[in-house]
Amino acid sequence: MNEFVLMSDPQVAAIPIADCGEPLVDVRFDGSLAVDARRADDTGAFAHLREGVVNRLLSAQELLPDGMRLLFVEGYRPPPLQRRYFERYADELRADNPHWTPVRVREAASRYVSPPEIAPHSAGAAVDLTLLSADGRELDMGTRVNANPEESDGACYTDAENIGPEARAHRRVLGAALTAVGLVNYPTEWWHWSFGDRYWALSSGVDSAMYGPRPLGRD
């Protein structure tokens, strides 16, 4: 758990936010990105991202090999929903490991769900996504999107060794395209990429985050 910086690390919280005021936009606006409905909600919040992140995803898609495209799964997550996700997973870990301290529970939970006060999703800065083939099939990435460390035996970690060569190759393709346009990966989740948030700022050596948590519809 200590091989890389987790979202719960005080270094992440210490990054200041200088929100640029960029709007949240609906990624479904012109059909350029394939959008999956598994995280859909009544308000359509899941399909929103900061404008700059959307533009980078479109650029990344152009860098993919012929026959591949991005599949958008989830972007913006309202702060109350983020809190529910985090607390639910923390409760599961606490029940399975009653001897763990609160600090250890928080650290372990942050491998899979960001603490609400840090969450890149609630800033519209993070996206969960995968790859599609030309005929619309999800490519083998080693685990399903949103597989937690327990169910996947750690195979959800981006550089996990317990996945097959095809899945590893697909992760490299996805990572190369997204890294090229400035996004950073959260190393415990191969599908989670972000730009402009506190974790991105720390990973990129930038002094402050461009995007902070905000409610949908504030623009």
Protein backbone atom coordinates (compact mmCIF):
# COMPACT_ATOMS: atom_id res chain seq x y z
CA MET A 1 0.00 0.00 0.00
CA ASN A 2 2.99 2.31 0.33
CA GLU A 3 4.61 1.81 -3.07
CA PHE A 4 2.99 4.98 -4.42
CA VAL A 5 1.16 8.02 -3.17
CA LEU A 6 -2.45 7.29 -2.23
CA MET A 7 -5.28 9.82 -2.31
CA SER A 8 -5.31 9.77 1.50
CA ASP A 9 -1.71 10.98 1.69
CA PRO A 10 -1.43 14.41 3.38
CA GLN A 11 0.70 15.55 0.43
CA VAL A 12 -2.40 15.48 -1.76
CA ALA A 13 -4.57 17.47 0.65
CA ALA A 14 -1.77 20.02 1.02
CA ILE A 15 -1.99 21.03 -2.65
CA PRO A 16 -3.88 24.36 -2.89
CA ILE A 17 -6.71 24.84 -5.38
CA ALA A 18 -6.84 27.81 -7.73
CA ASP A 19 -10.03 26.92 -9.61
CA CYS A 20 -9.98 28.34 -13.11
CA GLY A 21 -13.77 28.41 -13.33
CA GLU A 22 -13.89 26.17 -16.38
CA PRO A 23 -17.39 24.74 -16.92
CA LEU A 24 -18.57 21.17 -16.59
CA VAL A 25 -19.77 19.94 -19.97
CA ASP A 26 -21.75 16.88 -21.06
CA VAL A 27 -19.49 14.43 -22.90
CA ARG A 28 -22.52 13.16 -24.82
CA PHE A 29 -22.94 16.48 -26.65
CA ASP A 30 -21.81 15.37 -30.11
CA GLY A 31 -21.30 11.61 -29.92
CA SER A 32 -17.54 11.78 -30.36
CA LEU A 33 -17.04 9.62 -27.27
CA ALA A 34 -18.77 6.31 -26.68
CA VAL A 35 -20.58 6.56 -23.33
CA ASP A 36 -21.49 3.53 -21.23
CA ALA A 37 -24.63 3.58 -19.11
CA ARG A 38 -23.46 1.44 -16.18
CA ARG A 39 -22.98 4.52 -13.96
CA ALA A 40 -25.81 6.58 -15.40
CA ASP A 41 -27.95 8.61 -12.99
CA ASP A 42 -31.22 10.49 -13.36
CA THR A 43 -29.51 13.88 -13.64
CA GLY A 44 -26.87 12.79 -16.13
CA ALA A 45 -24.17 14.01 -13.74
CA PHE A 46 -21.99 10.99 -14.48
CA ALA A 47 -21.51 12.17 -18.09
CA HIS A 48 -20.01 15.55 -17.19
CA LEU A 49 -16.37 16.64 -17.05
CA ARG A 50 -14.48 19.90 -17.11
CA GLU A 51 -14.22 21.19 -20.64
CA GLY A 52 -10.44 20.91 -20.71
CA VAL A 53 -10.57 17.24 -19.69
CA VAL A 54 -13.10 16.45 -22.44
CA ASN A 55 -10.90 18.12 -25.04
CA ARG A 56 -7.94 16.04 -23.90
CA LEU A 57 -9.95 12.84 -24.13
CA LEU A 58 -10.90 13.66 -27.71
CA SER A 59 -7.22 14.27 -28.52
CA ALA A 60 -6.23 11.01 -26.81
CA GLN A 61 -8.78 9.08 -28.85
CA GLU A 62 -7.11 10.35 -32.03
CA LEU A 63 -3.85 8.80 -30.82
CA LEU A 64 -5.26 5.29 -30.42
CA PRO A 65 -4.44 2.60 -33.00
CA ASP A 66 -6.94 2.02 -35.78
CA GLY A 67 -9.81 -0.13 -34.56
CA MET A 68 -9.79 1.17 -30.99
CA ARG A 69 -11.74 3.92 -29.28
CA LEU A 70 -12.37 5.12 -25.75
CA LEU A 71 -15.38 4.02 -23.73
CA PHE A 72 -16.35 6.65 -21.16
CA VAL A 73 -17.78 5.09 -17.98
CA GLU A 74 -17.97 7.84 -15.34
CA GLY A 75 -16.84 11.41 -14.90
CA TYR A 76 -18.36 13.90 -12.48
CA ARG A 77 -19.55 12.56 -9.15
CA PRO A 78 -21.55 14.84 -6.80
CA PRO A 79 -19.80 15.25 -3.41
CA PRO A 80 -22.60 13.50 -1.44
CA LEU A 81 -22.37 10.47 -3.75
CA GLN A 82 -18.59 10.40 -3.40
CA ARG A 83 -18.99 10.39 0.39
CA ARG A 84 -21.45 7.49 0.23
CA TYR A 85 -19.09 5.46 -1.96
CA PHE A 86 -16.15 6.08 0.36
CA GLU A 87 -18.02 5.37 3.60
CA ARG A 88 -19.60 2.21 2.21
CA TYR A 89 -16.25 0.76 1.17
CA ALA A 90 -14.60 1.83 4.43
CA ASP A 91 -17.38 0.10 6.36
CA GLU A 92 -16.75 -3.11 4.40
CA LEU A 93 -13.03 -2.98 5.15
CA ARG A 94 -13.68 -2.21 8.82
CA ALA A 95 -16.05 -5.17 9.13
CA ASP A 96 -13.57 -7.55 7.47
CA ASN A 97 -10.60 -6.21 9.47
CA PRO A 98 -11.85 -5.25 12.94
CA HIS A 99 -8.29 -4.92 14.27
CA TRP A 100 -7.39 -2.13 11.79
CA THR A 101 -6.96 1.39 13.10
CA PRO A 102 -9.06 4.23 11.61
CA VAL A 103 -5.95 5.51 9.84
CA ARG A 104 -5.34 2.14 8.22
CA VAL A 105 -8.98 1.83 7.16
CA ARG A 106 -8.86 5.28 5.55
CA GLU A 107 -5.62 4.47 3.75
CA ALA A 108 -6.89 1.12 2.49
CA ALA A 109 -10.21 2.60 1.39
CA SER A 110 -8.39 5.27 -0.60
CA ARG A 111 -6.87 2.61 -2.86
CA TYR A 112 -10.31 2.26 -4.42
CA VAL A 113 -12.40 5.32 -3.50
CA SER A 114 -10.96 8.77 -2.94
CA PRO A 115 -11.67 10.51 0.38
CA PRO A 116 -14.55 12.92 -0.33
CA GLU A 117 -12.59 16.08 0.44
CA ILE A 118 -9.93 15.17 -2.16
CA ALA A 119 -12.00 13.42 -4.83
CA PRO A 120 -11.02 14.31 -8.41
CA HIS A 121 -14.39 13.03 -9.63
CA SER A 122 -16.20 15.70 -7.60
CA ALA A 123 -14.09 18.35 -9.32
CA GLY A 124 -15.05 17.07 -12.76
CA ALA A 125 -11.36 16.34 -13.25
CA ALA A 126 -11.35 12.54 -13.27
CA VAL A 127 -12.70 9.97 -15.68
CA ASP A 128 -13.12 6.21 -15.50
CA LEU A 129 -12.78 4.67 -18.93
CA THR A 130 -11.67 1.70 -20.96
CA LEU A 131 -11.13 0.65 -24.57
CA LEU A 132 -13.52 -0.58 -27.24
CA SER A 133 -12.82 -2.55 -30.39
CA ALA A 134 -14.10 -1.43 -33.78
CA ASP A 135 -17.18 -3.65 -33.37
CA GLY A 136 -18.00 -2.20 -29.96
CA ARG A 137 -16.59 -4.90 -27.68
CA GLU A 138 -14.78 -3.96 -24.49
CA LEU A 139 -11.18 -5.04 -24.82
CA ASP A 140 -9.51 -7.28 -22.27
CA MET A 141 -7.94 -5.04 -19.60
CA GLY A 142 -7.32 -7.75 -17.00
CA THR A 143 -10.24 -6.84 -14.74
CA ARG A 144 -13.60 -5.17 -15.07
CA VAL A 145 -13.77 -1.41 -14.62
CA ASN A 146 -14.18 -0.64 -10.90
CA ALA A 147 -12.90 -4.00 -9.68
CA ASN A 148 -11.65 -3.51 -6.13
CA PRO A 149 -8.31 -4.84 -4.84
CA GLU A 150 -9.95 -7.64 -2.86
CA GLU A 151 -12.02 -9.15 -5.65
CA SER A 152 -9.24 -8.81 -8.23
CA ASP A 153 -6.36 -9.91 -5.99
CA GLY A 154 -4.66 -6.62 -6.85
CA ALA A 155 -5.05 -7.04 -10.61
CA CYS A 156 -6.84 -3.68 -10.70
CA TYR A 157 -3.49 -2.00 -10.02
CA THR A 158 -2.26 -0.49 -13.27
CA ASP A 159 1.09 -2.28 -13.24
CA ALA A 160 -0.21 -5.55 -11.78
CA GLU A 161 1.74 -8.61 -12.81
CA ASN A 162 -1.15 -11.07 -12.46
CA ILE A 163 -2.81 -10.21 -15.77
CA GLY A 164 -2.34 -11.68 -19.23
CA PRO A 165 -0.14 -10.25 -22.00
CA GLU A 166 -3.11 -9.03 -24.06
CA ALA A 167 -4.55 -7.07 -21.12
CA ARG A 168 -1.13 -5.65 -20.33
CA ALA A 169 -0.72 -4.49 -23.93
CA HIS A 170 -4.14 -2.83 -23.89
CA ARG A 171 -3.31 -1.00 -20.65
CA ARG A 172 -0.11 0.27 -22.27
CA VAL A 173 -2.03 1.56 -25.28
CA LEU A 174 -4.58 3.33 -23.08
CA GLY A 175 -1.88 4.77 -20.86
CA ALA A 176 0.25 6.01 -23.74
CA ALA A 177 -2.63 7.93 -25.31
CA LEU A 178 -3.84 9.51 -22.08
CA THR A 179 -0.38 10.37 -20.80
CA ALA A 180 0.43 12.04 -24.10
CA VAL A 181 -2.38 14.56 -23.58
CA GLY A 182 -1.44 15.32 -19.98
CA LEU A 183 -3.63 13.05 -17.87
CA VAL A 184 -2.25 11.10 -14.93
CA ASN A 185 -3.29 7.68 -13.68
CA TYR A 186 -4.16 6.63 -10.15
CA PRO A 187 -1.91 3.55 -9.88
CA THR A 188 -4.39 1.37 -7.97
CA GLU A 189 -7.03 1.74 -10.71
CA TRP A 190 -6.02 1.21 -14.33
CA TRP A 191 -9.24 2.89 -15.51
CA HIS A 192 -8.95 6.11 -13.45
CA TRP A 193 -7.28 9.10 -15.11
CA SER A 194 -7.39 12.79 -14.24
CA PHE A 195 -6.23 16.25 -15.17
CA GLY A 196 -6.20 19.50 -13.21
CA ASP A 197 -6.99 18.09 -9.76
CA ARG A 198 -4.81 17.91 -6.66
CA TYR A 199 -3.50 14.41 -7.40
CA TRP A 200 -2.60 15.50 -10.93
CA ALA A 201 -0.82 18.58 -9.54
CA LEU A 202 1.25 16.50 -7.12
CA SER A 203 2.09 13.91 -9.78
CA SER A 204 2.98 16.58 -12.32
CA GLY A 205 4.99 18.83 -10.01
CA VAL A 206 2.52 21.70 -10.37
CA ASP A 207 2.04 24.13 -7.47
CA SER A 208 -1.77 24.16 -7.42
CA ALA A 209 -4.82 22.37 -8.78
CA MET A 210 -6.84 23.96 -11.58
CA TYR A 211 -10.10 22.31 -10.57
CA GLY A 212 -11.76 21.94 -7.17
CA PRO A 213 -14.98 20.24 -6.00
CA ARG A 214 -18.14 21.93 -7.22
CA PRO A 215 -21.85 21.20 -7.61
CA LEU A 216 -23.26 20.41 -11.02
CA GLY A 217 -25.02 23.36 -12.59
CA ARG A 218 -22.97 26.09 -10.92
CA ASP A 219 -21.73 27.45 -14.23
